[in-house]
Amino acid sequence: MLSRVGTKGEKVYGNFAGSKRKRTNLIMAQRGKEWLTPMIFEGSCHATLVEAWIEKMLLPQLKEPSVIVMDNASFHTKRNIAEILARDGHIRLPLPHIAQISTLLSNPSQP
């Protein structure tokens, strides 16, 4: 956290979370209408947290190889996450980027 606030126009260096409020987040999986392995945590989400959640909470719940659909958060696209899932035969499938969806909707005859 920052130890001081700079005056207007002055650069301020330090770690800043982007908000003065505490962040409470939820990470979970969903299979059909069933919620799997919900985890509430304080702070921001990052690759290390997601990797630990996958290894310690999600994988034990998946009894057969599954397709894991993840949004395009930067930490979901880390190669290590795909490798962790692949070790047990799972596949990470990213959601298409909004630009790809727009293109498909505007040109439905194009593959």
Protein backbone atom coordinates (compact mmCIF):
# COMPACT_ATOMS: atom_id res chain seq x y z
CA MET A 1 0.00 0.00 0.00
CA LEU A 2 1.15 3.54 -0.52
CA SER A 3 2.63 5.32 2.44
CA ARG A 4 1.77 8.80 1.19
CA VAL A 5 -0.32 10.56 -1.43
CA GLY A 6 1.48 12.72 -4.00
CA THR A 7 0.44 16.21 -4.97
CA LYS A 8 -1.28 16.78 -8.30
CA GLY A 9 1.11 16.09 -11.16
CA GLU A 10 3.68 14.30 -8.96
CA LYS A 11 4.46 10.64 -9.67
CA VAL A 12 3.90 8.33 -6.74
CA TYR A 13 5.59 4.94 -6.59
CA GLY A 14 4.53 1.92 -4.58
CA ASN A 15 2.13 -0.99 -4.48
CA PHE A 16 -1.47 0.09 -4.74
CA ALA A 17 -4.42 -2.28 -4.97
CA GLY A 18 -6.54 0.12 -7.03
CA SER A 19 -9.19 0.63 -4.38
CA LYS A 20 -9.27 1.77 -0.77
CA ARG A 21 -11.95 -0.78 0.00
CA LYS A 22 -11.27 -4.41 0.82
CA ARG A 23 -12.09 -6.78 -2.00
CA THR A 24 -13.98 -9.95 -1.32
CA ASN A 25 -14.05 -12.35 -4.27
CA LEU A 26 -15.50 -15.72 -5.12
CA ILE A 27 -13.93 -18.38 -7.29
CA MET A 28 -15.94 -21.49 -8.14
CA ALA A 29 -16.86 -23.99 -10.82
CA GLN A 30 -20.28 -24.90 -12.10
CA ARG A 31 -21.42 -28.24 -13.52
CA GLY A 32 -24.95 -27.95 -14.84
CA LYS A 33 -26.85 -26.29 -11.99
CA GLU A 34 -24.41 -27.57 -9.35
CA TRP A 35 -21.80 -25.25 -7.82
CA LEU A 36 -18.45 -26.92 -7.18
CA THR A 37 -15.71 -25.86 -4.80
CA PRO A 38 -16.74 -22.28 -4.02
CA MET A 39 -13.96 -20.35 -2.32
CA ILE A 40 -14.30 -16.82 -0.93
CA PHE A 41 -11.09 -14.83 -0.54
CA GLU A 42 -9.91 -11.31 0.24
CA GLY A 43 -7.82 -9.37 -2.28
CA SER A 44 -7.22 -9.73 -5.99
CA CYS A 45 -7.20 -12.93 -7.97
CA HIS A 46 -3.96 -14.05 -9.66
CA ALA A 47 -2.51 -17.12 -11.39
CA THR A 48 -0.96 -18.63 -8.24
CA LEU A 49 -4.31 -18.52 -6.43
CA VAL A 50 -6.17 -20.05 -9.38
CA GLU A 51 -3.53 -22.79 -9.75
CA ALA A 52 -3.80 -23.69 -6.05
CA TRP A 53 -7.62 -23.70 -6.24
CA ILE A 54 -7.54 -25.99 -9.28
CA GLU A 55 -5.06 -28.45 -7.74
CA LYS A 56 -6.40 -28.56 -4.19
CA MET A 57 -10.14 -28.02 -4.68
CA LEU A 58 -11.35 -28.49 -8.25
CA LEU A 59 -9.40 -31.52 -9.48
CA PRO A 60 -10.45 -33.76 -6.55
CA GLN A 61 -14.10 -33.07 -7.52
CA LEU A 62 -13.66 -34.06 -11.18
CA LYS A 63 -13.90 -37.85 -11.44
CA GLU A 64 -13.51 -38.04 -15.25
CA PRO A 65 -11.78 -35.89 -17.88
CA SER A 66 -13.71 -32.63 -18.34
CA VAL A 67 -13.70 -29.50 -20.45
CA ILE A 68 -13.03 -26.50 -18.20
CA VAL A 69 -14.37 -23.26 -19.68
CA MET A 70 -12.68 -20.13 -18.34
CA ASP A 71 -13.15 -16.47 -19.15
CA ASN A 72 -10.29 -14.45 -20.62
CA ALA A 73 -8.85 -13.07 -17.40
CA SER A 74 -5.09 -12.78 -17.90
CA PHE A 75 -4.34 -15.32 -15.16
CA HIS A 76 -6.62 -17.94 -16.77
CA THR A 77 -4.52 -17.99 -19.92
CA LYS A 78 -1.26 -18.92 -18.20
CA ARG A 79 0.30 -22.05 -19.69
CA ASN A 80 0.73 -23.62 -16.25
CA ILE A 81 -3.05 -23.74 -15.70
CA ALA A 82 -3.57 -25.68 -18.95
CA GLU A 83 -0.71 -28.01 -17.97
CA ILE A 84 -2.18 -28.67 -14.51
CA LEU A 85 -5.54 -29.55 -16.07
CA ALA A 86 -3.98 -31.67 -18.83
CA ARG A 87 -2.11 -33.88 -16.30
CA ASP A 88 -5.48 -35.41 -15.34
CA GLY A 89 -6.88 -35.40 -18.89
CA HIS A 90 -8.85 -32.14 -18.61
CA ILE A 91 -8.94 -29.46 -21.29
CA ARG A 92 -9.04 -25.68 -20.69
CA LEU A 93 -11.32 -23.97 -23.18
CA PRO A 94 -11.20 -20.15 -23.20
CA LEU A 95 -14.30 -18.17 -23.97
CA PRO A 96 -14.03 -16.37 -27.31
CA HIS A 97 -12.92 -12.76 -27.09
CA ILE A 98 -15.75 -10.23 -27.55
CA ALA A 99 -14.16 -9.09 -30.85
CA GLN A 100 -14.37 -12.65 -32.18
CA ILE A 101 -18.02 -12.89 -31.16
CA SER A 102 -18.79 -9.56 -32.86
CA THR A 103 -17.10 -10.74 -36.05
CA LEU A 104 -19.04 -13.99 -36.04
CA LEU A 105 -22.34 -12.18 -35.47
CA SER A 106 -21.69 -9.62 -38.20
CA ASN A 107 -20.59 -12.27 -40.76
CA PRO A 108 -22.53 -15.45 -39.95
CA SER A 109 -21.67 -17.00 -43.33
CA GLN A 110 -17.93 -16.80 -42.62
CA PRO A 111 -16.35 -19.80 -40.83
